[in-house]
Amino acid sequence: MAVDGTAIQRGGRDPHSVCVYCGSSDGVPQRYLDLAAETGAAIAARGWTLVSGGGRRSMMGAVALAAREGGARTVGVIPRSMVEREWADHDSDELLVTETMRERKALMEAHADAFLALPGGIGTCEELFEVWSAGSLQLHGKPVVVLDPDGHWSGLLDWVSGLVEGGFASRAPLERIVVARTVDEALEACGPAAAAVDGVSVSRSQA
């Protein structure tokens, strides 16, 4: 059921929720659709809630569909303009409709206990960088994880390493993020045991 996202309060949701960022463009290789579906199914198997961008296309749709098929609760957050373009996942257990992309990201973050980035494009990069940098600044203590079985994110991580070497950044961002090669590794890093203590995350980077 779609509702006005501004009216939603964080309380009352399931104990552990994972926000998944991933590609939503048509034409991505089938292996990435399969990866998204595997992730959704694994979230369901753990009894967790999926938080996503509320779209029904490509990887975003695949992760939500697989999660629901496995019995997970799914929360989608999507701007009204995308609903009007018929991109919304109306099968979501809870579909929150926002007016702007900034509101969308804020609601996704508020509803999540951990963040997991699968392969994706510019939008996925933006979402990842926002929660990654905020975590590095200790503005939140939630796990930030990248699932990268085939090197999709290698160039970006190498670039960030270059920023450190060039003096433009500290090592905190690289120490803050977890890079996993399998779905199980990624979700282990997203789990309740990986939660921060006193708002400061413990580094578990496998990069």
N, C-alpha and C. Protein backbone atom coordinates (compact mmCIF):
# COMPACT_ATOMS: atom_id res chain seq x y z
N MET A 1 0.84 -1.18 0.00
CA MET A 1 0.00 0.00 0.00
C MET A 1 0.88 1.24 0.00
N ALA A 2 0.65 2.14 -0.89
CA ALA A 2 1.43 3.37 -0.97
C ALA A 2 0.92 4.38 0.04
N VAL A 3 1.86 5.05 0.67
CA VAL A 3 1.51 6.09 1.63
C VAL A 3 2.46 7.26 1.44
N ASP A 4 2.09 8.38 2.03
CA ASP A 4 2.95 9.55 2.02
C ASP A 4 4.12 9.28 2.94
N GLY A 5 5.34 9.26 2.41
CA GLY A 5 6.51 8.91 3.20
C GLY A 5 6.74 9.82 4.37
N THR A 6 6.31 11.06 4.30
CA THR A 6 6.57 11.99 5.39
C THR A 6 5.79 11.63 6.65
N ALA A 7 4.79 10.78 6.51
CA ALA A 7 3.97 10.44 7.67
C ALA A 7 4.46 9.20 8.40
N ILE A 8 5.49 8.55 7.86
CA ILE A 8 5.95 7.29 8.43
C ILE A 8 6.92 7.53 9.58
N GLN A 9 6.72 6.83 10.67
CA GLN A 9 7.64 6.87 11.79
C GLN A 9 8.48 5.60 11.78
N ARG A 10 9.70 5.67 12.34
CA ARG A 10 10.60 4.53 12.31
C ARG A 10 10.13 3.41 13.24
N GLY A 11 9.46 3.75 14.29
CA GLY A 11 9.05 2.74 15.24
C GLY A 11 8.06 1.75 14.66
N GLY A 12 8.04 0.54 15.22
CA GLY A 12 7.06 -0.45 14.83
C GLY A 12 7.49 -1.35 13.70
N ARG A 13 8.66 -1.13 13.12
CA ARG A 13 9.10 -2.01 12.05
C ARG A 13 9.82 -3.22 12.62
N ASP A 14 10.25 -4.11 11.75
CA ASP A 14 10.89 -5.34 12.17
C ASP A 14 12.23 -5.06 12.85
N PRO A 15 12.74 -6.02 13.64
CA PRO A 15 13.95 -5.79 14.42
C PRO A 15 15.20 -5.51 13.59
N HIS A 16 15.36 -6.15 12.45
CA HIS A 16 16.58 -5.94 11.68
C HIS A 16 16.23 -5.77 10.20
N SER A 17 16.63 -4.64 9.65
CA SER A 17 16.31 -4.31 8.26
C SER A 17 17.59 -3.97 7.51
N VAL A 18 17.69 -4.46 6.29
CA VAL A 18 18.85 -4.18 5.44
C VAL A 18 18.39 -3.39 4.23
N CYS A 19 19.02 -2.25 4.02
CA CYS A 19 18.76 -1.43 2.85
C CYS A 19 19.69 -1.87 1.73
N VAL A 20 19.13 -2.29 0.62
CA VAL A 20 19.92 -2.75 -0.52
C VAL A 20 19.88 -1.70 -1.62
N TYR A 21 21.05 -1.23 -2.01
CA TYR A 21 21.22 -0.35 -3.16
C TYR A 21 21.68 -1.19 -4.34
N CYS A 22 21.10 -0.99 -5.52
CA CYS A 22 21.52 -1.78 -6.67
C CYS A 22 20.99 -1.16 -7.95
N GLY A 23 21.41 -1.71 -9.08
CA GLY A 23 21.02 -1.18 -10.37
C GLY A 23 19.53 -1.33 -10.64
N SER A 24 18.98 -0.34 -11.34
CA SER A 24 17.56 -0.40 -11.71
C SER A 24 17.36 -0.18 -13.20
N SER A 25 18.45 -0.19 -13.96
CA SER A 25 18.36 0.01 -15.40
C SER A 25 18.13 -1.32 -16.12
N ASP A 26 17.33 -1.27 -17.16
CA ASP A 26 17.13 -2.46 -17.98
C ASP A 26 18.41 -2.75 -18.76
N GLY A 27 18.63 -4.02 -19.06
CA GLY A 27 19.78 -4.38 -19.87
C GLY A 27 21.00 -4.82 -19.12
N VAL A 28 20.95 -4.87 -17.77
CA VAL A 28 22.11 -5.36 -17.02
C VAL A 28 22.27 -6.86 -17.28
N PRO A 29 23.48 -7.39 -17.19
CA PRO A 29 23.69 -8.82 -17.42
C PRO A 29 22.86 -9.69 -16.47
N GLN A 30 22.46 -10.84 -16.96
CA GLN A 30 21.62 -11.74 -16.18
C GLN A 30 22.27 -12.13 -14.85
N ARG A 31 23.60 -12.21 -14.83
CA ARG A 31 24.25 -12.63 -13.59
C ARG A 31 23.98 -11.65 -12.44
N TYR A 32 23.75 -10.38 -12.77
CA TYR A 32 23.47 -9.41 -11.73
C TYR A 32 22.02 -9.51 -11.26
N LEU A 33 21.11 -9.84 -12.17
CA LEU A 33 19.73 -10.11 -11.75
C LEU A 33 19.69 -11.33 -10.83
N ASP A 34 20.48 -12.34 -11.16
CA ASP A 34 20.55 -13.53 -10.32
C ASP A 34 21.15 -13.21 -8.97
N LEU A 35 22.17 -12.36 -8.95
CA LEU A 35 22.79 -11.96 -7.69
C LEU A 35 21.79 -11.22 -6.81
N ALA A 36 21.01 -10.33 -7.41
CA ALA A 36 19.99 -9.60 -6.65
C ALA A 36 18.95 -10.55 -6.08
N ALA A 37 18.51 -11.51 -6.89
CA ALA A 37 17.53 -12.48 -6.41
C ALA A 37 18.10 -13.33 -5.28
N GLU A 38 19.35 -13.73 -5.41
CA GLU A 38 19.99 -14.52 -4.36
C GLU A 38 20.06 -13.71 -3.06
N THR A 39 20.35 -12.44 -3.19
CA THR A 39 20.42 -11.58 -2.00
C THR A 39 19.06 -11.45 -1.33
N GLY A 40 18.02 -11.22 -2.13
CA GLY A 40 16.68 -11.12 -1.56
C GLY A 40 16.25 -12.39 -0.85
N ALA A 41 16.54 -13.53 -1.47
CA ALA A 41 16.18 -14.81 -0.86
C ALA A 41 16.93 -15.04 0.44
N ALA A 42 18.21 -14.64 0.47
CA ALA A 42 19.02 -14.82 1.67
C ALA A 42 18.57 -13.90 2.81
N ILE A 43 18.13 -12.69 2.47
CA ILE A 43 17.58 -11.79 3.49
C ILE A 43 16.32 -12.42 4.09
N ALA A 44 15.48 -12.99 3.24
CA ALA A 44 14.26 -13.65 3.73
C ALA A 44 14.59 -14.83 4.62
N ALA A 45 15.60 -15.61 4.22
CA ALA A 45 15.96 -16.81 4.99
C ALA A 45 16.42 -16.46 6.40
N ARG A 46 16.94 -15.25 6.56
CA ARG A 46 17.39 -14.80 7.89
C ARG A 46 16.27 -14.16 8.69
N GLY A 47 15.09 -14.02 8.09
CA GLY A 47 13.98 -13.42 8.79
C GLY A 47 14.06 -11.91 8.89
N TRP A 48 14.84 -11.28 8.02
CA TRP A 48 15.02 -9.83 8.05
C TRP A 48 14.03 -9.13 7.12
N THR A 49 14.02 -7.82 7.20
CA THR A 49 13.22 -6.97 6.33
C THR A 49 14.12 -6.35 5.27
N LEU A 50 13.62 -6.26 4.06
CA LEU A 50 14.33 -5.59 2.98
C LEU A 50 13.81 -4.16 2.83
N VAL A 51 14.73 -3.22 2.78
CA VAL A 51 14.41 -1.83 2.43
C VAL A 51 15.07 -1.57 1.07
N SER A 52 14.30 -1.05 0.13
CA SER A 52 14.84 -0.80 -1.21
C SER A 52 14.29 0.49 -1.77
N GLY A 53 14.72 0.81 -2.99
CA GLY A 53 14.28 2.03 -3.64
C GLY A 53 12.88 1.99 -4.20
N GLY A 54 12.14 0.90 -3.97
CA GLY A 54 10.73 0.85 -4.31
C GLY A 54 10.42 0.68 -5.79
N GLY A 55 11.43 0.29 -6.59
CA GLY A 55 11.20 0.08 -8.01
C GLY A 55 10.97 -1.38 -8.34
N ARG A 56 10.31 -1.62 -9.47
CA ARG A 56 10.00 -3.00 -9.85
C ARG A 56 10.87 -3.49 -11.00
N ARG A 57 11.80 -2.65 -11.47
CA ARG A 57 12.60 -2.98 -12.63
C ARG A 57 13.97 -3.52 -12.25
N SER A 58 14.53 -4.31 -13.16
CA SER A 58 15.93 -4.74 -13.10
C SER A 58 16.28 -5.37 -11.75
N MET A 59 17.48 -5.07 -11.23
CA MET A 59 17.95 -5.68 -10.00
C MET A 59 17.09 -5.29 -8.80
N MET A 60 16.62 -4.04 -8.79
CA MET A 60 15.80 -3.58 -7.67
C MET A 60 14.53 -4.40 -7.57
N GLY A 61 13.91 -4.68 -8.70
CA GLY A 61 12.73 -5.51 -8.68
C GLY A 61 13.04 -6.95 -8.32
N ALA A 62 14.17 -7.46 -8.80
CA ALA A 62 14.53 -8.85 -8.55
C ALA A 62 14.80 -9.12 -7.07
N VAL A 63 15.48 -8.19 -6.40
CA VAL A 63 15.78 -8.41 -4.98
C VAL A 63 14.51 -8.37 -4.15
N ALA A 64 13.58 -7.47 -4.49
CA ALA A 64 12.34 -7.36 -3.73
C ALA A 64 11.43 -8.57 -3.97
N LEU A 65 11.33 -8.99 -5.21
CA LEU A 65 10.48 -10.14 -5.53
C LEU A 65 10.97 -11.40 -4.81
N ALA A 66 12.28 -11.64 -4.86
CA ALA A 66 12.83 -12.83 -4.22
C ALA A 66 12.68 -12.77 -2.71
N ALA A 67 12.82 -11.58 -2.15
CA ALA A 67 12.65 -11.44 -0.70
C ALA A 67 11.22 -11.78 -0.30
N ARG A 68 10.25 -11.25 -1.03
CA ARG A 68 8.85 -11.54 -0.70
C ARG A 68 8.52 -13.01 -0.91
N GLU A 69 9.04 -13.58 -1.97
CA GLU A 69 8.78 -15.00 -2.22
C GLU A 69 9.32 -15.87 -1.10
N GLY A 70 10.37 -15.38 -0.44
CA GLY A 70 10.94 -16.11 0.69
C GLY A 70 10.28 -15.79 2.02
N GLY A 71 9.31 -14.90 2.00
CA GLY A 71 8.56 -14.56 3.21
C GLY A 71 9.01 -13.31 3.91
N ALA A 72 9.92 -12.56 3.32
CA ALA A 72 10.40 -11.33 3.96
C ALA A 72 9.41 -10.19 3.78
N ARG A 73 9.43 -9.28 4.70
CA ARG A 73 8.69 -8.03 4.57
C ARG A 73 9.54 -7.08 3.73
N THR A 74 8.92 -6.38 2.80
CA THR A 74 9.65 -5.46 1.95
C THR A 74 9.10 -4.05 2.09
N VAL A 75 10.01 -3.10 2.24
CA VAL A 75 9.66 -1.69 2.35
C VAL A 75 10.32 -0.97 1.17
N GLY A 76 9.51 -0.37 0.33
CA GLY A 76 10.02 0.38 -0.81
C GLY A 76 9.84 1.87 -0.59
N VAL A 77 10.84 2.64 -1.01
CA VAL A 77 10.77 4.10 -0.88
C VAL A 77 11.05 4.70 -2.25
N ILE A 78 10.11 5.46 -2.77
CA ILE A 78 10.23 5.90 -4.16
C ILE A 78 9.65 7.31 -4.32
N PRO A 79 10.28 8.14 -5.14
CA PRO A 79 9.73 9.48 -5.40
C PRO A 79 8.43 9.40 -6.20
N ARG A 80 7.55 10.36 -5.99
CA ARG A 80 6.26 10.37 -6.67
C ARG A 80 6.42 10.39 -8.19
N SER A 81 7.44 11.10 -8.69
CA SER A 81 7.64 11.18 -10.13
C SER A 81 7.88 9.82 -10.75
N MET A 82 8.53 8.91 -10.00
CA MET A 82 8.77 7.57 -10.51
C MET A 82 7.52 6.71 -10.44
N VAL A 83 6.68 6.97 -9.44
CA VAL A 83 5.39 6.28 -9.37
C VAL A 83 4.54 6.65 -10.59
N GLU A 84 4.57 7.92 -10.93
CA GLU A 84 3.79 8.39 -12.07
C GLU A 84 4.29 7.82 -13.38
N ARG A 85 5.57 7.43 -13.42
CA ARG A 85 6.11 6.78 -14.62
C ARG A 85 5.92 5.26 -14.58
N GLU A 86 5.16 4.80 -13.60
CA GLU A 86 4.81 3.37 -13.46
C GLU A 86 6.03 2.51 -13.20
N TRP A 87 6.96 3.03 -12.42
CA TRP A 87 8.15 2.26 -12.05
C TRP A 87 8.02 1.62 -10.67
N ALA A 88 6.96 1.91 -9.94
CA ALA A 88 6.87 1.51 -8.54
C ALA A 88 6.55 0.03 -8.37
N ASP A 89 7.10 -0.52 -7.29
CA ASP A 89 6.84 -1.90 -6.89
C ASP A 89 5.62 -1.89 -5.97
N HIS A 90 4.44 -1.95 -6.56
CA HIS A 90 3.21 -1.85 -5.78
C HIS A 90 2.93 -3.10 -4.95
N ASP A 91 3.72 -4.14 -5.14
CA ASP A 91 3.56 -5.33 -4.31
C ASP A 91 4.32 -5.22 -2.99
N SER A 92 5.06 -4.13 -2.80
CA SER A 92 5.76 -3.92 -1.53
C SER A 92 4.79 -4.00 -0.36
N ASP A 93 5.24 -4.56 0.74
CA ASP A 93 4.39 -4.59 1.94
C ASP A 93 4.14 -3.18 2.44
N GLU A 94 5.11 -2.31 2.22
CA GLU A 94 4.96 -0.90 2.58
C GLU A 94 5.67 -0.09 1.51
N LEU A 95 4.92 0.74 0.81
CA LEU A 95 5.49 1.58 -0.24
C LEU A 95 5.38 3.03 0.20
N LEU A 96 6.53 3.66 0.46
CA LEU A 96 6.56 5.04 0.93
C LEU A 96 6.87 5.94 -0.25
N VAL A 97 6.01 6.92 -0.46
CA VAL A 97 6.14 7.81 -1.60
C VAL A 97 6.62 9.18 -1.11
N THR A 98 7.74 9.64 -1.67
CA THR A 98 8.31 10.92 -1.29
C THR A 98 8.19 11.91 -2.44
N GLU A 99 8.47 13.16 -2.13
CA GLU A 99 8.43 14.19 -3.17
C GLU A 99 9.78 14.37 -3.86
N THR A 100 10.86 14.07 -3.17
CA THR A 100 12.19 14.30 -3.73
C THR A 100 13.10 13.09 -3.51
N MET A 101 14.20 13.06 -4.26
CA MET A 101 15.20 12.01 -4.09
C MET A 101 15.88 12.13 -2.72
N ARG A 102 16.08 13.35 -2.25
CA ARG A 102 16.70 13.52 -0.95
C ARG A 102 15.83 12.94 0.16
N GLU A 103 14.54 13.17 0.07
CA GLU A 103 13.63 12.58 1.05
C GLU A 103 13.65 11.06 0.94
N ARG A 104 13.74 10.56 -0.27
CA ARG A 104 13.79 9.12 -0.48
C ARG A 104 14.98 8.52 0.24
N LYS A 105 16.16 9.08 0.04
CA LYS A 105 17.37 8.53 0.67
C LYS A 105 17.28 8.62 2.18
N ALA A 106 16.76 9.72 2.69
CA ALA A 106 16.65 9.88 4.14
C ALA A 106 15.74 8.83 4.75
N LEU A 107 14.62 8.54 4.09
CA LEU A 107 13.69 7.53 4.62
C LEU A 107 14.29 6.13 4.53
N MET A 108 14.99 5.84 3.43
CA MET A 108 15.65 4.54 3.32
C MET A 108 16.65 4.36 4.45
N GLU A 109 17.42 5.40 4.73
CA GLU A 109 18.41 5.33 5.80
C GLU A 109 17.74 5.16 7.17
N ALA A 110 16.64 5.88 7.39
CA ALA A 110 15.97 5.82 8.68
C ALA A 110 15.36 4.45 8.95
N HIS A 111 14.96 3.75 7.91
CA HIS A 111 14.32 2.45 8.07
C HIS A 111 15.30 1.28 8.10
N ALA A 112 16.59 1.56 7.96
CA ALA A 112 17.58 0.48 7.82
C ALA A 112 18.51 0.39 9.02
N ASP A 113 18.92 -0.84 9.31
CA ASP A 113 19.94 -1.10 10.33
C ASP A 113 21.30 -1.37 9.70
N ALA A 114 21.33 -1.59 8.40
CA ALA A 114 22.58 -1.84 7.68
C ALA A 114 22.36 -1.50 6.22
N PHE A 115 23.45 -1.23 5.52
CA PHE A 115 23.39 -0.85 4.11
C PHE A 115 24.25 -1.79 3.28
N LEU A 116 23.68 -2.27 2.17
CA LEU A 116 24.37 -3.20 1.30
C LEU A 116 24.28 -2.72 -0.14
N ALA A 117 25.42 -2.47 -0.76
CA ALA A 117 25.46 -2.04 -2.15
C ALA A 117 25.84 -3.20 -3.05
N LEU A 118 24.96 -3.53 -3.97
CA LEU A 118 25.25 -4.49 -5.03
C LEU A 118 25.75 -3.70 -6.24
N PRO A 119 26.19 -4.37 -7.29
CA PRO A 119 26.57 -3.62 -8.49
C PRO A 119 25.45 -2.68 -8.95
N GLY A 120 25.84 -1.51 -9.41
CA GLY A 120 24.87 -0.53 -9.86
C GLY A 120 25.55 0.61 -10.58
N GLY A 121 24.78 1.62 -10.91
CA GLY A 121 25.29 2.74 -11.68
C GLY A 121 25.49 3.99 -10.84
N ILE A 122 25.25 5.16 -11.45
CA ILE A 122 25.52 6.43 -10.80
C ILE A 122 24.67 6.60 -9.55
N GLY A 123 23.38 6.24 -9.64
CA GLY A 123 22.51 6.40 -8.47
C GLY A 123 22.96 5.53 -7.31
N THR A 124 23.37 4.31 -7.61
CA THR A 124 23.86 3.42 -6.56
C THR A 124 25.13 3.98 -5.94
N CYS A 125 26.01 4.54 -6.77
CA CYS A 125 27.23 5.18 -6.26
C CYS A 125 26.89 6.32 -5.31
N GLU A 126 25.92 7.14 -5.70
CA GLU A 126 25.53 8.27 -4.86
C GLU A 126 25.03 7.79 -3.50
N GLU A 127 24.15 6.80 -3.51
CA GLU A 127 23.60 6.28 -2.27
C GLU A 127 24.70 5.69 -1.40
N LEU A 128 25.59 4.91 -2.02
CA LEU A 128 26.69 4.30 -1.27
C LEU A 128 27.58 5.37 -0.65
N PHE A 129 27.98 6.36 -1.44
CA PHE A 129 28.88 7.38 -0.92
C PHE A 129 28.27 8.15 0.24
N GLU A 130 26.97 8.41 0.17
CA GLU A 130 26.34 9.19 1.23
C GLU A 130 26.38 8.46 2.57
N VAL A 131 26.00 7.18 2.59
CA VAL A 131 26.01 6.46 3.87
C VAL A 131 27.43 6.09 4.28
N TRP A 132 28.30 5.87 3.29
CA TRP A 132 29.69 5.54 3.56
C TRP A 132 30.41 6.72 4.21
N SER A 133 30.28 7.90 3.63
CA SER A 133 30.95 9.07 4.19
C SER A 133 30.37 9.44 5.55
N ALA A 134 29.04 9.32 5.71
CA ALA A 134 28.43 9.62 7.00
C ALA A 134 28.93 8.67 8.07
N GLY A 135 29.08 7.40 7.72
CA GLY A 135 29.62 6.44 8.67
C GLY A 135 31.06 6.72 9.03
N SER A 136 31.85 7.14 8.04
CA SER A 136 33.25 7.48 8.29
C SER A 136 33.39 8.66 9.23
N LEU A 137 32.40 9.56 9.19
CA LEU A 137 32.39 10.73 10.07
C LEU A 137 31.71 10.43 11.40
N GLN A 138 31.36 9.16 11.61
CA GLN A 138 30.71 8.70 12.85
C GLN A 138 29.36 9.37 13.08
N LEU A 139 28.67 9.71 11.97
CA LEU A 139 27.32 10.24 12.07
C LEU A 139 26.30 9.13 12.23
N HIS A 140 26.69 7.91 11.91
CA HIS A 140 25.90 6.73 12.23
C HIS A 140 26.86 5.57 12.43
N GLY A 141 26.37 4.53 13.09
CA GLY A 141 27.22 3.37 13.35
C GLY A 141 26.75 2.12 12.65
N LYS A 142 25.96 2.27 11.60
CA LYS A 142 25.40 1.12 10.90
C LYS A 142 26.42 0.53 9.92
N PRO A 143 26.42 -0.79 9.75
CA PRO A 143 27.34 -1.40 8.79
C PRO A 143 27.09 -0.91 7.36
N VAL A 144 28.18 -0.70 6.63
CA VAL A 144 28.13 -0.35 5.21
C VAL A 144 28.93 -1.40 4.46
N VAL A 145 28.26 -2.13 3.58
CA VAL A 145 28.85 -3.31 2.95
C VAL A 145 28.69 -3.22 1.44
N VAL A 146 29.71 -3.66 0.73
CA VAL A 146 29.66 -3.77 -0.73
C VAL A 146 29.77 -5.24 -1.10
N LEU A 147 28.84 -5.70 -1.91
CA LEU A 147 28.89 -7.07 -2.43
C LEU A 147 29.46 -7.01 -3.84
N ASP A 148 30.65 -7.55 -4.00
CA ASP A 148 31.38 -7.40 -5.27
C ASP A 148 32.04 -8.71 -5.67
N PRO A 149 31.27 -9.64 -6.26
CA PRO A 149 31.84 -10.94 -6.61
C PRO A 149 32.78 -10.92 -7.80
N ASP A 150 32.72 -9.86 -8.64
CA ASP A 150 33.50 -9.91 -9.87
C ASP A 150 34.28 -8.63 -10.17
N GLY A 151 34.48 -7.78 -9.18
CA GLY A 151 35.31 -6.60 -9.39
C GLY A 151 34.58 -5.37 -9.90
N HIS A 152 33.24 -5.37 -9.84
CA HIS A 152 32.48 -4.22 -10.32
C HIS A 152 32.91 -2.93 -9.61
N TRP A 153 33.19 -3.01 -8.33
CA TRP A 153 33.52 -1.83 -7.53
C TRP A 153 35.02 -1.60 -7.40
N SER A 154 35.85 -2.42 -8.04
CA SER A 154 37.30 -2.33 -7.83
C SER A 154 37.86 -0.96 -8.24
N GLY A 155 37.40 -0.43 -9.36
CA GLY A 155 37.92 0.85 -9.82
C GLY A 155 37.63 1.97 -8.84
N LEU A 156 36.40 1.98 -8.29
CA LEU A 156 36.04 3.01 -7.33
C LEU A 156 36.89 2.89 -6.06
N LEU A 157 37.06 1.67 -5.57
CA LEU A 157 37.84 1.47 -4.36
C LEU A 157 39.30 1.83 -4.58
N ASP A 158 39.83 1.54 -5.76
CA ASP A 158 41.20 1.93 -6.09
C ASP A 158 41.32 3.45 -6.11
N TRP A 159 40.30 4.12 -6.65
CA TRP A 159 40.31 5.57 -6.71
C TRP A 159 40.32 6.18 -5.31
N VAL A 160 39.50 5.62 -4.41
CA VAL A 160 39.49 6.10 -3.03
C VAL A 160 40.84 5.86 -2.37
N SER A 161 41.46 4.72 -2.66
CA SER A 161 42.81 4.46 -2.13
C SER A 161 43.78 5.53 -2.61
N GLY A 162 43.61 5.96 -3.87
CA GLY A 162 44.44 7.02 -4.40
C GLY A 162 44.24 8.34 -3.69
N LEU A 163 43.00 8.62 -3.27
CA LEU A 163 42.74 9.83 -2.49
C LEU A 163 43.50 9.80 -1.17
N VAL A 164 43.56 8.62 -0.56
CA VAL A 164 44.31 8.48 0.69
C VAL A 164 45.79 8.73 0.45
N GLU A 165 46.33 8.09 -0.59
CA GLU A 165 47.74 8.25 -0.90
C GLU A 165 48.09 9.69 -1.26
N GLY A 166 47.15 10.40 -1.87
CA GLY A 166 47.38 11.78 -2.27
C GLY A 166 47.14 12.79 -1.16
N GLY A 167 46.70 12.33 -0.01
CA GLY A 167 46.47 13.22 1.11
C GLY A 167 45.12 13.89 1.12
N PHE A 168 44.20 13.47 0.24
CA PHE A 168 42.87 14.08 0.19
C PHE A 168 41.88 13.43 1.15
N ALA A 169 42.24 12.30 1.70
CA ALA A 169 41.35 11.59 2.61
C ALA A 169 42.17 10.78 3.59
N SER A 170 41.59 10.51 4.74
CA SER A 170 42.24 9.63 5.70
C SER A 170 41.93 8.19 5.33
N ARG A 171 42.46 7.27 6.10
CA ARG A 171 42.17 5.85 5.85
C ARG A 171 40.82 5.44 6.42
N ALA A 172 40.17 6.35 7.15
CA ALA A 172 38.90 5.99 7.80
C ALA A 172 37.86 5.42 6.84
N PRO A 173 37.66 6.02 5.65
CA PRO A 173 36.64 5.44 4.75
C PRO A 173 36.94 4.00 4.35
N LEU A 174 38.19 3.70 4.03
CA LEU A 174 38.53 2.34 3.62
C LEU A 174 38.42 1.37 4.79
N GLU A 175 38.68 1.85 5.99
CA GLU A 175 38.57 0.99 7.15
C GLU A 175 37.12 0.81 7.57
N ARG A 176 36.27 1.71 7.14
CA ARG A 176 34.86 1.68 7.55
C ARG A 176 34.02 0.73 6.72
N ILE A 177 34.39 0.53 5.46
CA ILE A 177 33.55 -0.26 4.55
C ILE A 177 33.99 -1.72 4.55
N VAL A 178 33.03 -2.60 4.34
CA VAL A 178 33.30 -4.03 4.20
C VAL A 178 33.06 -4.41 2.74
N VAL A 179 34.01 -5.10 2.14
CA VAL A 179 33.85 -5.62 0.78
C VAL A 179 33.74 -7.13 0.86
N ALA A 180 32.61 -7.66 0.41
CA ALA A 180 32.33 -9.10 0.47
C ALA A 180 32.26 -9.67 -0.94
N ARG A 181 32.65 -10.91 -1.06
CA ARG A 181 32.63 -11.58 -2.37
C ARG A 181 31.43 -12.48 -2.57
N THR A 182 30.77 -12.87 -1.49
CA THR A 182 29.59 -13.74 -1.60
C THR A 182 28.43 -13.12 -0.84
N VAL A 183 27.23 -13.58 -1.15
CA VAL A 183 26.04 -13.08 -0.47
C VAL A 183 26.10 -13.38 1.02
N ASP A 184 26.52 -14.60 1.37
CA ASP A 184 26.58 -14.96 2.79
C ASP A 184 27.55 -14.07 3.55
N GLU A 185 28.72 -13.79 2.96
CA GLU A 185 29.68 -12.91 3.60
C GLU A 185 29.09 -11.51 3.79
N ALA A 186 28.41 -11.04 2.76
CA ALA A 186 27.84 -9.70 2.82
C ALA A 186 26.79 -9.59 3.92
N LEU A 187 25.90 -10.58 4.00
CA LEU A 187 24.84 -10.50 5.00
C LEU A 187 25.35 -10.75 6.40
N GLU A 188 26.39 -11.54 6.53
CA GLU A 188 27.02 -11.68 7.85
C GLU A 188 27.52 -10.32 8.34
N ALA A 189 28.13 -9.57 7.42
CA ALA A 189 28.64 -8.24 7.77
C ALA A 189 27.52 -7.23 8.03
N CYS A 190 26.32 -7.51 7.50
CA CYS A 190 25.16 -6.63 7.71
C CYS A 190 24.37 -7.00 8.96
N GLY A 191 24.68 -8.13 9.57
CA GLY A 191 23.85 -8.66 10.63
C GLY A 191 23.94 -7.91 11.94
N PRO A 192 23.07 -8.27 12.88
CA PRO A 192 23.05 -7.58 14.18
C PRO A 192 24.38 -7.64 14.91
N ALA A 193 25.15 -8.71 14.71
CA ALA A 193 26.44 -8.82 15.39
C ALA A 193 27.45 -7.80 14.90
N ALA A 194 27.20 -7.23 13.70
CA ALA A 194 28.11 -6.23 13.14
C ALA A 194 27.72 -4.82 13.52
N ALA A 195 26.69 -4.67 14.34
CA ALA A 195 26.22 -3.34 14.72
C ALA A 195 27.28 -2.60 15.50
N ALA A 196 27.24 -1.29 15.41
CA ALA A 196 28.23 -0.46 16.08
C ALA A 196 28.00 -0.43 17.59
N VAL A 197 29.08 -0.19 18.29
CA VAL A 197 29.03 -0.01 19.73
C VAL A 197 29.27 1.47 20.03
N ASP A 198 28.34 2.08 20.76
CA ASP A 198 28.45 3.51 21.09
C ASP A 198 28.60 4.39 19.87
N GLY A 199 27.95 3.97 18.74
CA GLY A 199 27.91 4.80 17.56
C GLY A 199 29.17 4.76 16.72
N VAL A 200 30.16 3.95 17.08
CA VAL A 200 31.39 3.88 16.31
C VAL A 200 31.54 2.48 15.75
N SER A 201 31.60 2.35 14.45
CA SER A 201 31.65 1.05 13.82
C SER A 201 33.03 0.42 13.96
N VAL A 202 33.04 -0.89 14.12
CA VAL A 202 34.28 -1.64 14.13
C VAL A 202 34.60 -2.08 12.70
N SER A 203 35.79 -1.82 12.23
CA SER A 203 36.16 -2.16 10.85
C SER A 203 36.25 -3.67 10.68
N ARG A 204 35.63 -4.17 9.60
CA ARG A 204 35.73 -5.59 9.26
C ARG A 204 36.05 -5.72 7.80
N SER A 205 36.78 -4.77 7.24
CA SER A 205 37.01 -4.72 5.79
C SER A 205 37.74 -5.96 5.31
N GLN A 206 37.23 -6.51 4.20
CA GLN A 206 37.86 -7.65 3.55
C GLN A 206 38.44 -7.25 2.20
N ALA A 207 38.51 -5.93 1.96
CA ALA A 207 39.01 -5.45 0.67
C ALA A 207 40.47 -5.80 0.49
